[in-house]
Amino acid sequence: MIKKQKLGAGFIALLMALATLPATAASAGEGLVRTTWPSAEDPGAPIYARVGEPTGPVFYNDGEWAAVVFYRDPGCIPPDFNLLGFFAFDSFGCDLTVSGFTLWEVEPGSAPPKIHNSTGSAVPVWFVPLDVALAAAADGILTIGELAGLEGLRKGVADHFNETLRPIPFPPELGGGGHHSPGLIMDAKGDLEDGGRFAFHLTRVEPDVKAVKITLSEIS
């Protein structure tokens, strides 16, 4: 049976994962608390990969290619996990491909952080022709095996990866937190398995995707 996640429970789990970090420093001049991950206390967010958004586009794409970024080792993803579900509560046993820091304007874990930053130097990024990806996801399910077998798939590994997430704030009565301008910025550059290089850029300012740029070298 395919495992499915509820957005509300997943977001709470994400906050709980981040909240276990001890406060290490305050950002000068802003009164923000900075925590880092992964650590013995925090194994990172309960996510295998970013395909799109649970409440947004099924795939981040430039109209031709869809991009999938793996925050954990793709080889560790259970064969029956639905990648379209986003949150994965059994993912903590899989190695992270990223690390980072979080800035909190509130008590860590009491509400969404202001900034959540992820970086990596060996981050798997896969690209699939958009029409093929959409057809595969039409039934609401996309497993790692299905993704790996899609026609036209090009696998890459980013030697430069940076992602800055500005979470949506909670209402004041629920603790506030978050960012006054929520969104997501992602940049990745690296090598393709079949030769050449790739570049991927995403800018999302809630609730809209503002820019997606994907550049892939021709197959050598």
Protein backbone atom coordinates (compact mmCIF):
# COMPACT_ATOMS: atom_id res chain seq x y z
CA MET A 1 0.00 0.00 0.00
CA ILE A 2 1.28 3.46 -0.88
CA LYS A 3 2.07 5.62 2.14
CA LYS A 4 0.36 9.00 2.16
CA GLN A 5 0.99 11.94 4.46
CA LYS A 6 -1.25 14.70 5.73
CA LEU A 7 0.12 18.19 5.27
CA GLY A 8 -0.81 19.41 8.74
CA ALA A 9 0.81 16.50 10.54
CA GLY A 10 3.85 16.69 8.30
CA PHE A 11 4.43 20.35 8.96
CA ILE A 12 4.17 19.77 12.70
CA ALA A 13 6.71 16.97 12.38
CA LEU A 14 9.04 19.28 10.47
CA LEU A 15 8.86 21.83 13.26
CA MET A 16 9.47 19.15 15.87
CA ALA A 17 12.53 17.91 13.99
CA LEU A 18 13.97 21.41 13.86
CA ALA A 19 12.99 22.24 17.41
CA THR A 20 15.22 19.59 18.97
CA LEU A 21 18.33 21.59 18.12
CA PRO A 22 19.97 23.55 20.93
CA ALA A 23 20.22 27.31 20.41
CA THR A 24 23.82 28.03 19.41
CA ALA A 25 23.95 31.75 18.68
CA ALA A 26 21.94 34.86 18.00
CA SER A 27 22.17 36.74 14.72
CA ALA A 28 23.72 40.10 15.36
CA GLY A 29 21.34 43.02 15.38
CA GLU A 30 18.18 40.98 14.77
CA GLY A 31 17.72 38.98 17.95
CA LEU A 32 17.32 35.77 15.93
CA VAL A 33 18.31 32.41 17.35
CA ARG A 34 20.42 30.26 15.02
CA THR A 35 20.42 26.46 15.15
CA THR A 36 22.28 24.02 12.91
CA TRP A 37 21.51 20.55 11.56
CA PRO A 38 22.01 17.64 11.32
CA SER A 39 23.16 16.85 14.82
CA ALA A 40 22.72 14.11 17.38
CA GLU A 41 19.56 15.90 18.49
CA ASP A 42 18.21 16.68 15.02
CA PRO A 43 18.39 14.25 12.06
CA GLY A 44 17.02 16.85 9.62
CA ALA A 45 13.56 17.38 8.21
CA PRO A 46 11.34 14.34 7.47
CA ILE A 47 11.62 14.69 3.70
CA TYR A 48 13.16 12.48 0.98
CA ALA A 49 12.82 14.82 -1.98
CA ARG A 50 11.20 17.98 -3.28
CA VAL A 51 9.12 17.24 -6.35
CA GLY A 52 6.79 20.24 -6.14
CA GLU A 53 4.62 21.44 -3.27
CA PRO A 54 1.75 19.70 -1.46
CA THR A 55 -0.34 22.82 -2.06
CA GLY A 56 1.31 24.05 -5.26
CA PRO A 57 2.53 22.70 -8.61
CA VAL A 58 2.92 18.94 -8.92
CA PHE A 59 6.39 19.49 -10.38
CA TYR A 60 8.67 22.50 -10.44
CA ASN A 61 9.32 22.93 -14.15
CA ASP A 62 10.32 25.33 -16.91
CA GLY A 63 7.64 24.13 -19.31
CA GLU A 64 9.93 21.49 -20.80
CA TRP A 65 11.67 19.75 -17.90
CA ALA A 66 10.54 18.81 -14.38
CA ALA A 67 13.17 18.80 -11.62
CA VAL A 68 13.33 16.55 -8.54
CA VAL A 69 15.80 17.41 -5.76
CA PHE A 70 16.77 14.70 -3.26
CA TYR A 71 17.46 15.75 0.33
CA ARG A 72 18.23 12.13 1.23
CA ASP A 73 19.89 9.23 -0.61
CA PRO A 74 17.53 8.14 -3.43
CA GLY A 75 18.69 4.55 -2.97
CA CYS A 76 17.25 4.54 0.55
CA ILE A 77 13.70 5.57 -0.40
CA PRO A 78 11.19 2.74 0.23
CA PRO A 79 9.81 1.33 -3.04
CA ASP A 80 6.20 1.98 -1.99
CA PHE A 81 6.65 5.58 -0.81
CA ASN A 82 4.63 8.17 -2.74
CA LEU A 83 7.01 11.02 -3.60
CA LEU A 84 4.04 13.31 -4.22
CA GLY A 85 3.26 13.08 -0.50
CA PHE A 86 6.39 15.14 0.33
CA PHE A 87 6.69 14.47 4.09
CA ALA A 88 8.16 11.11 5.10
CA PHE A 89 8.14 10.17 8.74
CA ASP A 90 10.28 7.08 8.17
CA SER A 91 13.06 8.97 6.36
CA PHE A 92 15.35 9.58 9.35
CA GLY A 93 17.28 6.38 8.75
CA CYS A 94 18.41 7.59 5.32
CA ASP A 95 21.54 9.69 4.86
CA LEU A 96 21.01 13.38 4.23
CA THR A 97 22.52 14.95 1.13
CA VAL A 98 22.22 18.44 2.64
CA SER A 99 22.96 20.25 5.90
CA GLY A 100 22.17 23.74 7.07
CA PHE A 101 20.93 26.18 9.63
CA THR A 102 17.66 27.68 10.84
CA LEU A 103 16.92 31.18 12.12
CA TRP A 104 14.18 31.57 14.69
CA GLU A 105 12.42 34.78 15.65
CA VAL A 106 10.45 32.81 18.25
CA GLU A 107 11.31 30.03 20.68
CA PRO A 108 12.62 27.19 18.47
CA GLY A 109 9.80 24.77 17.76
CA SER A 110 6.99 26.96 19.06
CA ALA A 111 6.11 28.23 15.55
CA PRO A 112 7.63 28.22 12.04
CA PRO A 113 11.21 29.53 11.78
CA LYS A 114 12.01 32.74 9.92
CA ILE A 115 14.63 31.15 7.64
CA HIS A 116 15.54 27.52 6.90
CA ASN A 117 18.70 27.16 4.80
CA SER A 118 20.05 23.99 3.14
CA THR A 119 23.34 23.48 1.31
CA GLY A 120 25.20 20.54 -0.19
CA SER A 121 28.04 19.55 -2.51
CA ALA A 122 26.71 16.16 -3.68
CA VAL A 123 22.96 16.59 -4.02
CA PRO A 124 21.13 14.33 -6.53
CA VAL A 125 18.91 16.28 -8.92
CA TRP A 126 16.91 14.41 -11.56
CA PHE A 127 15.25 15.88 -14.63
CA VAL A 128 12.32 14.36 -16.52
CA PRO A 129 10.49 15.66 -19.62
CA LEU A 130 7.49 17.50 -18.19
CA ASP A 131 4.85 15.68 -20.24
CA VAL A 132 6.28 12.32 -19.16
CA ALA A 133 6.38 13.37 -15.51
CA LEU A 134 2.81 14.67 -15.53
CA ALA A 135 1.53 11.49 -17.14
CA ALA A 136 3.30 9.38 -14.51
CA ALA A 137 1.80 11.46 -11.68
CA ALA A 138 -1.72 11.61 -13.12
CA ASP A 139 -2.96 8.93 -10.73
CA GLY A 140 -1.64 10.85 -7.72
CA ILE A 141 1.16 8.37 -7.06
CA LEU A 142 4.85 8.50 -8.01
CA THR A 143 7.27 5.97 -6.52
CA ILE A 144 11.06 6.08 -6.78
CA GLY A 145 11.02 3.03 -9.05
CA GLU A 146 8.48 4.63 -11.35
CA LEU A 147 10.49 7.86 -11.45
CA ALA A 148 13.74 6.01 -12.15
CA GLY A 149 12.14 4.20 -15.09
CA LEU A 150 10.65 7.21 -16.85
CA GLU A 151 11.60 7.78 -20.47
CA GLY A 152 13.99 10.68 -20.96
CA LEU A 153 15.18 10.79 -17.34
CA ARG A 154 18.51 12.56 -16.87
CA LYS A 155 20.26 12.18 -13.53
CA GLY A 156 22.63 14.75 -12.11
CA VAL A 157 24.56 15.50 -8.93
CA ALA A 158 24.86 19.10 -7.80
CA ASP A 159 28.31 20.11 -6.59
CA HIS A 160 26.76 23.46 -5.64
CA PHE A 161 23.36 23.52 -3.95
CA ASN A 162 21.75 26.24 -1.91
CA GLU A 163 18.14 26.53 -0.79
CA THR A 164 16.55 29.23 1.35
CA LEU A 165 13.05 28.56 2.64
CA ARG A 166 11.02 31.39 4.19
CA PRO A 167 8.12 29.57 5.87
CA ILE A 168 4.53 30.77 5.94
CA PRO A 169 3.80 32.27 9.38
CA PHE A 170 1.22 30.95 11.79
CA PRO A 171 -1.53 33.33 12.96
CA PRO A 172 -0.52 35.28 16.12
CA GLU A 173 -2.86 33.21 18.26
CA LEU A 174 -0.94 30.09 17.17
CA GLY A 175 2.48 31.55 17.89
CA GLY A 176 3.30 33.63 14.83
CA GLY A 177 6.81 32.99 13.56
CA GLY A 178 7.54 32.43 9.88
CA HIS A 179 8.52 35.14 7.43
CA HIS A 180 6.58 38.23 6.38
CA SER A 181 7.41 37.36 2.74
CA PRO A 182 7.22 33.56 2.57
CA GLY A 183 8.81 31.77 -0.34
CA LEU A 184 11.58 29.50 -1.61
CA ILE A 185 14.79 30.16 -3.52
CA MET A 186 16.82 27.25 -4.85
CA ASP A 187 20.03 27.12 -6.90
CA ALA A 188 21.78 23.95 -8.07
CA LYS A 189 24.66 23.33 -10.48
CA GLY A 190 26.45 20.09 -11.22
CA ASP A 191 27.31 17.20 -13.51
CA LEU A 192 24.94 14.99 -15.50
CA GLU A 193 25.49 11.23 -15.57
CA ASP A 194 25.25 11.18 -19.36
CA GLY A 195 27.81 13.98 -19.73
CA GLY A 196 27.91 17.75 -19.44
CA ARG A 197 26.54 20.08 -16.82
CA PHE A 198 23.20 21.31 -15.54
CA ALA A 199 21.89 24.40 -13.79
CA PHE A 200 18.58 24.75 -11.97
CA HIS A 201 17.11 27.88 -10.41
CA LEU A 202 13.75 28.33 -8.68
CA THR A 203 12.13 31.37 -7.13
CA ARG A 204 8.78 30.99 -5.39
CA VAL A 205 7.06 33.85 -3.57
CA GLU A 206 3.91 32.52 -1.96
CA PRO A 207 1.59 31.62 -3.49
CA ASP A 208 3.21 31.90 -6.92
CA VAL A 209 6.22 30.43 -8.71
CA LYS A 210 8.02 33.48 -10.07
CA ALA A 211 10.87 31.88 -11.99
CA VAL A 212 12.18 28.46 -12.98
CA LYS A 213 15.26 28.06 -15.17
CA ILE A 214 16.67 24.69 -16.18
CA THR A 215 19.73 24.35 -18.41
CA LEU A 216 20.94 20.91 -19.49
CA SER A 217 23.90 20.11 -21.71
CA GLU A 218 23.20 18.02 -24.79
CA ILE A 219 23.74 14.28 -24.30
CA SER A 220 27.34 13.48 -25.16
